[in-house]
Amino acid sequence: MSEFEYITVLLSIILGLAVTQLLSGFARLLRDGRALAPAWWVIAIIAALLLSDFQIWWVSYIWQDVVRHWLFYDYAAFMVLPMLMYLLAYLVLPNDLRLDGHELAREFIDRRKPFYVCLALVPLSSFCQQWLLSGHPPRLDLDTGFRLVLLVLSIPGFLSRRNAVQATLAVIALLNIIGYVSLTFTRL
């Protein structure tokens, strides 16, 4: 087992837990047959988070060619993104999934602040990770632009209790991650 394979085991486990959290929560919502239409945008957030989890795992492969000798702090920086993704997966759905769509949307809006704080930390930690692991600050390019969109989205999400604002942000976030993956990371 190479050094890189060894250190990515925990990353894979944490991302796997995040994916499990999202899929099991979504499956429970579907199984209970609740009227989810009013909370369609929460499902869009779940989809965006799932794609983001896949993208982080996919991109982690690149670091094996960038970092030749891993130090503990390199590893710690490498692990921040999967930990944030797990927290986002945990925060997007309430513990009680026996809610109808209106209650589900209300629950998310009531608990939105920690979610959006974690969301704002995702691009910030990815920039720090990139800088620490590559030794170069992020460039102003398409990759950086897509990550900055998440940072910008977190501000109105944190501040607004309006359903329409949350729905708009969910759609933008989903389209952002689809565009991000489509334009920057379709191949290893």
C-alpha atoms as a PDB file:
ATOM      1  CA  MET A   1       0.000   0.000   0.000  1.00  0.00           C
ATOM      2  CA  SER A   2       1.426   3.375  -0.996  1.00  0.00           C
ATOM      3  CA  GLU A   3       1.570   6.375   1.346  1.00  0.00           C
ATOM      4  CA  PHE A   4      -1.213   8.059  -0.628  1.00  0.00           C
ATOM      5  CA  GLU A   5      -3.448   4.970  -0.553  1.00  0.00           C
ATOM      6  CA  TYR A   6      -2.955   4.790   3.197  1.00  0.00           C
ATOM      7  CA  ILE A   7      -3.961   8.391   3.884  1.00  0.00           C
ATOM      8  CA  THR A   8      -6.981   8.322   1.570  1.00  0.00           C
ATOM      9  CA  VAL A   9      -8.617   5.503   3.510  1.00  0.00           C
ATOM     10  CA  LEU A  10     -10.001   7.851   6.159  1.00  0.00           C
ATOM     11  CA  LEU A  11     -11.050  10.381   3.511  1.00  0.00           C
ATOM     12  CA  SER A  12     -13.010   7.633   1.762  1.00  0.00           C
ATOM     13  CA  ILE A  13     -14.637   6.514   4.997  1.00  0.00           C
ATOM     14  CA  ILE A  14     -15.753  10.024   5.957  1.00  0.00           C
ATOM     15  CA  LEU A  15     -17.099  10.753   2.470  1.00  0.00           C
ATOM     16  CA  GLY A  16     -18.801   7.340   2.539  1.00  0.00           C
ATOM     17  CA  LEU A  17     -20.499   8.287   5.800  1.00  0.00           C
ATOM     18  CA  ALA A  18     -21.662  11.576   4.251  1.00  0.00           C
ATOM     19  CA  VAL A  19     -23.093   9.764   1.224  1.00  0.00           C
ATOM     20  CA  THR A  20     -24.744   7.221   3.531  1.00  0.00           C
ATOM     21  CA  GLN A  21     -26.293  10.005   5.609  1.00  0.00           C
ATOM     22  CA  LEU A  22     -27.733  11.686   2.500  1.00  0.00           C
ATOM     23  CA  LEU A  23     -28.977   8.520   0.810  1.00  0.00           C
ATOM     24  CA  SER A  24     -30.469   6.979   3.939  1.00  0.00           C
ATOM     25  CA  GLY A  25     -32.256  10.221   4.803  1.00  0.00           C
ATOM     26  CA  PHE A  26     -33.611  10.578   1.287  1.00  0.00           C
ATOM     27  CA  ALA A  27     -34.666   6.907   1.241  1.00  0.00           C
ATOM     28  CA  ARG A  28     -36.564   7.341   4.517  1.00  0.00           C
ATOM     29  CA  LEU A  29     -38.368  10.374   3.095  1.00  0.00           C
ATOM     30  CA  LEU A  30     -39.358   8.363   0.029  1.00  0.00           C
ATOM     31  CA  ARG A  31     -40.310   5.260   2.010  1.00  0.00           C
ATOM     32  CA  ASP A  32     -42.697   7.161   4.243  1.00  0.00           C
ATOM     33  CA  GLY A  33     -44.451   8.570   1.174  1.00  0.00           C
ATOM     34  CA  ARG A  34     -44.751  12.071   2.533  1.00  0.00           C
ATOM     35  CA  ALA A  35     -45.878  14.936   0.333  1.00  0.00           C
ATOM     36  CA  LEU A  36     -42.446  16.356  -0.399  1.00  0.00           C
ATOM     37  CA  ALA A  37     -43.348  18.796  -3.177  1.00  0.00           C
ATOM     38  CA  PRO A  38     -43.101  21.908  -0.932  1.00  0.00           C
ATOM     39  CA  ALA A  39     -39.553  20.844   0.017  1.00  0.00           C
ATOM     40  CA  TRP A  40     -38.341  19.990  -3.497  1.00  0.00           C
ATOM     41  CA  TRP A  41     -35.453  22.381  -2.987  1.00  0.00           C
ATOM     42  CA  VAL A  42     -34.214  20.388   0.022  1.00  0.00           C
ATOM     43  CA  ILE A  43     -33.948  17.419  -2.360  1.00  0.00           C
ATOM     44  CA  ALA A  44     -31.954  19.692  -4.725  1.00  0.00           C
ATOM     45  CA  ILE A  45     -29.570  20.448  -1.839  1.00  0.00           C
ATOM     46  CA  ILE A  46     -29.199  16.714  -1.172  1.00  0.00           C
ATOM     47  CA  ALA A  47     -28.390  16.134  -4.857  1.00  0.00           C
ATOM     48  CA  ALA A  48     -25.834  18.975  -4.835  1.00  0.00           C
ATOM     49  CA  LEU A  49     -24.192  17.551  -1.724  1.00  0.00           C
ATOM     50  CA  LEU A  50     -24.039  14.057  -3.227  1.00  0.00           C
ATOM     51  CA  LEU A  51     -22.386  15.376  -6.384  1.00  0.00           C
ATOM     52  CA  SER A  52     -19.984  17.411  -4.248  1.00  0.00           C
ATOM     53  CA  ASP A  53     -19.035  14.312  -2.241  1.00  0.00           C
ATOM     54  CA  PHE A  54     -18.349  12.408  -5.461  1.00  0.00           C
ATOM     55  CA  GLN A  55     -16.341  15.332  -6.845  1.00  0.00           C
ATOM     56  CA  ILE A  56     -14.160  15.657  -3.735  1.00  0.00           C
ATOM     57  CA  TRP A  57     -13.397  11.942  -3.788  1.00  0.00           C
ATOM     58  CA  TRP A  58     -12.713  12.101  -7.532  1.00  0.00           C
ATOM     59  CA  VAL A  59     -10.360  15.085  -7.233  1.00  0.00           C
ATOM     60  CA  SER A  60      -8.508  13.658  -4.238  1.00  0.00           C
ATOM     61  CA  TYR A  61      -6.729  11.345  -6.681  1.00  0.00           C
ATOM     62  CA  ILE A  62      -4.932  14.372  -8.185  1.00  0.00           C
ATOM     63  CA  TRP A  63      -3.116  15.069  -4.924  1.00  0.00           C
ATOM     64  CA  GLN A  64      -1.049  11.890  -5.175  1.00  0.00           C
ATOM     65  CA  ASP A  65       0.919  13.491  -8.021  1.00  0.00           C
ATOM     66  CA  VAL A  66       1.188  16.909  -6.340  1.00  0.00           C
ATOM     67  CA  VAL A  67       2.295  15.969  -2.824  1.00  0.00           C
ATOM     68  CA  ARG A  68       5.283  13.615  -2.830  1.00  0.00           C
ATOM     69  CA  HIS A  69       6.005  13.528   0.909  1.00  0.00           C
ATOM     70  CA  TRP A  70       3.010  13.958   3.162  1.00  0.00           C
ATOM     71  CA  LEU A  71       3.352  15.790   6.453  1.00  0.00           C
ATOM     72  CA  PHE A  72       0.794  15.673   9.238  1.00  0.00           C
ATOM     73  CA  TYR A  73      -0.466  19.188   8.477  1.00  0.00           C
ATOM     74  CA  ASP A  74      -0.836  18.312   4.797  1.00  0.00           C
ATOM     75  CA  TYR A  75      -2.958  15.372   5.877  1.00  0.00           C
ATOM     76  CA  ALA A  76      -5.000  17.520   8.281  1.00  0.00           C
ATOM     77  CA  ALA A  77      -5.704  20.040   5.495  1.00  0.00           C
ATOM     78  CA  PHE A  78      -6.617  17.152   3.191  1.00  0.00           C
ATOM     79  CA  MET A  79      -9.208  15.901   5.695  1.00  0.00           C
ATOM     80  CA  VAL A  80     -11.068  19.175   6.360  1.00  0.00           C
ATOM     81  CA  LEU A  81     -13.230  19.007   3.198  1.00  0.00           C
ATOM     82  CA  PRO A  82     -14.615  15.510   3.830  1.00  0.00           C
ATOM     83  CA  MET A  83     -15.366  16.456   7.421  1.00  0.00           C
ATOM     84  CA  LEU A  84     -17.274  19.546   6.299  1.00  0.00           C
ATOM     85  CA  MET A  85     -19.170  17.474   3.752  1.00  0.00           C
ATOM     86  CA  TYR A  86     -20.211  15.054   6.479  1.00  0.00           C
ATOM     87  CA  LEU A  87     -21.417  17.942   8.641  1.00  0.00           C
ATOM     88  CA  LEU A  88     -23.429  19.349   5.720  1.00  0.00           C
ATOM     89  CA  ALA A  89     -24.975  15.929   5.102  1.00  0.00           C
ATOM     90  CA  TYR A  90     -25.944  15.693   8.753  1.00  0.00           C
ATOM     91  CA  LEU A  91     -27.353  19.228   8.908  1.00  0.00           C
ATOM     92  CA  VAL A  92     -29.474  19.167   5.735  1.00  0.00           C
ATOM     93  CA  LEU A  93     -32.110  16.800   7.113  1.00  0.00           C
ATOM     94  CA  PRO A  94     -33.710  16.800  10.557  1.00  0.00           C
ATOM     95  CA  ASN A  95     -33.545  13.804  12.873  1.00  0.00           C
ATOM     96  CA  ASP A  96     -37.304  13.326  12.569  1.00  0.00           C
ATOM     97  CA  LEU A  97     -37.917  12.485   8.937  1.00  0.00           C
ATOM     98  CA  ARG A  98     -41.630  11.890   9.427  1.00  0.00           C
ATOM     99  CA  LEU A  99     -42.349  15.408   8.273  1.00  0.00           C
ATOM    100  CA  ASP A 100     -44.368  16.528   5.301  1.00  0.00           C
ATOM    101  CA  GLY A 101     -42.827  18.875   2.747  1.00  0.00           C
ATOM    102  CA  HIS A 102     -43.951  22.067   4.476  1.00  0.00           C
ATOM    103  CA  GLU A 103     -42.525  20.942   7.829  1.00  0.00           C
ATOM    104  CA  LEU A 104     -39.309  19.724   6.182  1.00  0.00           C
ATOM    105  CA  ALA A 105     -38.761  23.108   4.513  1.00  0.00           C
ATOM    106  CA  ARG A 106     -39.548  24.913   7.778  1.00  0.00           C
ATOM    107  CA  GLU A 107     -37.157  22.685   9.721  1.00  0.00           C
ATOM    108  CA  PHE A 108     -34.317  23.394   7.313  1.00  0.00           C
ATOM    109  CA  ILE A 109     -34.955  27.135   7.386  1.00  0.00           C
ATOM    110  CA  ASP A 110     -35.054  27.109  11.194  1.00  0.00           C
ATOM    111  CA  ARG A 111     -31.709  25.227  11.347  1.00  0.00           C
ATOM    112  CA  ARG A 112     -30.064  26.835   8.305  1.00  0.00           C
ATOM    113  CA  LYS A 113     -27.350  28.887  10.031  1.00  0.00           C
ATOM    114  CA  PRO A 114     -24.899  26.095  10.933  1.00  0.00           C
ATOM    115  CA  PHE A 115     -25.488  24.592   7.483  1.00  0.00           C
ATOM    116  CA  TYR A 116     -24.503  27.810   5.725  1.00  0.00           C
ATOM    117  CA  VAL A 117     -21.522  28.393   8.007  1.00  0.00           C
ATOM    118  CA  CYS A 118     -20.220  24.945   7.013  1.00  0.00           C
ATOM    119  CA  LEU A 119     -21.034  25.671   3.370  1.00  0.00           C
ATOM    120  CA  ALA A 120     -18.996  28.905   3.510  1.00  0.00           C
ATOM    121  CA  LEU A 121     -16.092  26.957   4.999  1.00  0.00           C
ATOM    122  CA  VAL A 122     -16.034  24.504   2.065  1.00  0.00           C
ATOM    123  CA  PRO A 123     -14.505  26.865  -0.525  1.00  0.00           C
ATOM    124  CA  LEU A 124     -12.333  28.565   2.094  1.00  0.00           C
ATOM    125  CA  SER A 125     -10.904  25.243   3.246  1.00  0.00           C
ATOM    126  CA  SER A 126     -10.451  24.065  -0.353  1.00  0.00           C
ATOM    127  CA  PHE A 127      -8.421  27.212  -1.098  1.00  0.00           C
ATOM    128  CA  CYS A 128      -6.304  26.645   2.022  1.00  0.00           C
ATOM    129  CA  GLN A 129      -5.894  22.976   1.136  1.00  0.00           C
ATOM    130  CA  GLN A 130      -4.820  23.856  -2.394  1.00  0.00           C
ATOM    131  CA  TRP A 131      -2.348  26.460  -1.170  1.00  0.00           C
ATOM    132  CA  LEU A 132      -0.876  24.226   1.535  1.00  0.00           C
ATOM    133  CA  LEU A 133      -0.598  21.088  -0.578  1.00  0.00           C
ATOM    134  CA  SER A 134       0.557  22.658  -3.841  1.00  0.00           C
ATOM    135  CA  GLY A 135       2.520  25.559  -2.370  1.00  0.00           C
ATOM    136  CA  HIS A 136       0.735  28.009  -4.680  1.00  0.00           C
ATOM    137  CA  PRO A 137      -2.254  30.247  -3.978  1.00  0.00           C
ATOM    138  CA  PRO A 138      -5.375  29.510  -6.009  1.00  0.00           C
ATOM    139  CA  ARG A 139      -5.404  31.187  -9.420  1.00  0.00           C
ATOM    140  CA  LEU A 140      -8.288  33.277 -10.654  1.00  0.00           C
ATOM    141  CA  ASP A 141      -9.753  30.710 -13.010  1.00  0.00           C
ATOM    142  CA  LEU A 142     -12.961  28.768 -13.650  1.00  0.00           C
ATOM    143  CA  ASP A 143     -12.227  26.349 -10.800  1.00  0.00           C
ATOM    144  CA  THR A 144     -11.833  29.199  -8.318  1.00  0.00           C
ATOM    145  CA  GLY A 145     -14.945  30.924  -9.678  1.00  0.00           C
ATOM    146  CA  PHE A 146     -17.152  27.880  -9.105  1.00  0.00           C
ATOM    147  CA  ARG A 147     -15.875  27.544  -5.542  1.00  0.00           C
ATOM    148  CA  LEU A 148     -16.448  31.239  -4.857  1.00  0.00           C
ATOM    149  CA  VAL A 149     -20.094  30.841  -5.906  1.00  0.00           C
ATOM    150  CA  LEU A 150     -20.588  28.590  -2.850  1.00  0.00           C
ATOM    151  CA  LEU A 151     -19.109  31.228  -0.605  1.00  0.00           C
ATOM    152  CA  VAL A 152     -21.423  33.880  -2.055  1.00  0.00           C
ATOM    153  CA  LEU A 153     -24.490  31.598  -1.804  1.00  0.00           C
ATOM    154  CA  SER A 154     -23.872  30.988   1.875  1.00  0.00           C
ATOM    155  CA  ILE A 155     -24.457  34.657   2.756  1.00  0.00           C
ATOM    156  CA  PRO A 156     -28.107  35.058   1.671  1.00  0.00           C
ATOM    157  CA  GLY A 157     -28.777  31.480   2.789  1.00  0.00           C
ATOM    158  CA  PHE A 158     -27.570  32.308   6.273  1.00  0.00           C
ATOM    159  CA  LEU A 159     -29.501  35.579   6.429  1.00  0.00           C
ATOM    160  CA  SER A 160     -32.835  34.726   4.816  1.00  0.00           C
ATOM    161  CA  ARG A 161     -35.739  32.786   6.262  1.00  0.00           C
ATOM    162  CA  ARG A 162     -37.699  33.067   3.018  1.00  0.00           C
ATOM    163  CA  ASN A 163     -38.641  29.838   1.293  1.00  0.00           C
ATOM    164  CA  ALA A 164     -38.195  31.391  -2.166  1.00  0.00           C
ATOM    165  CA  VAL A 165     -34.639  32.501  -1.332  1.00  0.00           C
ATOM    166  CA  GLN A 166     -33.714  29.029  -0.065  1.00  0.00           C
ATOM    167  CA  ALA A 167     -35.233  27.402  -3.155  1.00  0.00           C
ATOM    168  CA  THR A 168     -33.340  29.755  -5.482  1.00  0.00           C
ATOM    169  CA  LEU A 169     -30.065  29.090  -3.678  1.00  0.00           C
ATOM    170  CA  ALA A 170     -30.640  25.322  -3.857  1.00  0.00           C
ATOM    171  CA  VAL A 171     -31.141  25.468  -7.627  1.00  0.00           C
ATOM    172  CA  ILE A 172     -28.079  27.678  -8.094  1.00  0.00           C
ATOM    173  CA  ALA A 173     -25.983  25.349  -5.909  1.00  0.00           C
ATOM    174  CA  LEU A 174     -27.099  22.282  -7.870  1.00  0.00           C
ATOM    175  CA  LEU A 175     -26.438  23.952 -11.230  1.00  0.00           C
ATOM    176  CA  ASN A 176     -23.094  25.202  -9.910  1.00  0.00           C
ATOM    177  CA  ILE A 177     -21.861  21.733  -8.952  1.00  0.00           C
ATOM    178  CA  ILE A 178     -23.124  20.242 -12.226  1.00  0.00           C
ATOM    179  CA  GLY A 179     -21.299  22.975 -14.147  1.00  0.00           C
ATOM    180  CA  TYR A 180     -18.217  22.648 -11.967  1.00  0.00           C
ATOM    181  CA  VAL A 181     -17.877  18.934 -12.553  1.00  0.00           C
ATOM    182  CA  SER A 182     -18.844  19.157 -16.235  1.00  0.00           C
ATOM    183  CA  LEU A 183     -16.353  21.888 -17.068  1.00  0.00           C
ATOM    184  CA  THR A 184     -13.421  21.105 -14.807  1.00  0.00           C
ATOM    185  CA  PHE A 185     -13.310  17.513 -13.575  1.00  0.00           C
ATOM    186  CA  THR A 186     -14.803  15.025 -16.030  1.00  0.00           C
ATOM    187  CA  ARG A 187     -11.544  13.080 -16.322  1.00  0.00           C
ATOM    188  CA  LEU A 188      -8.986  11.989 -13.733  1.00  0.00           C
END
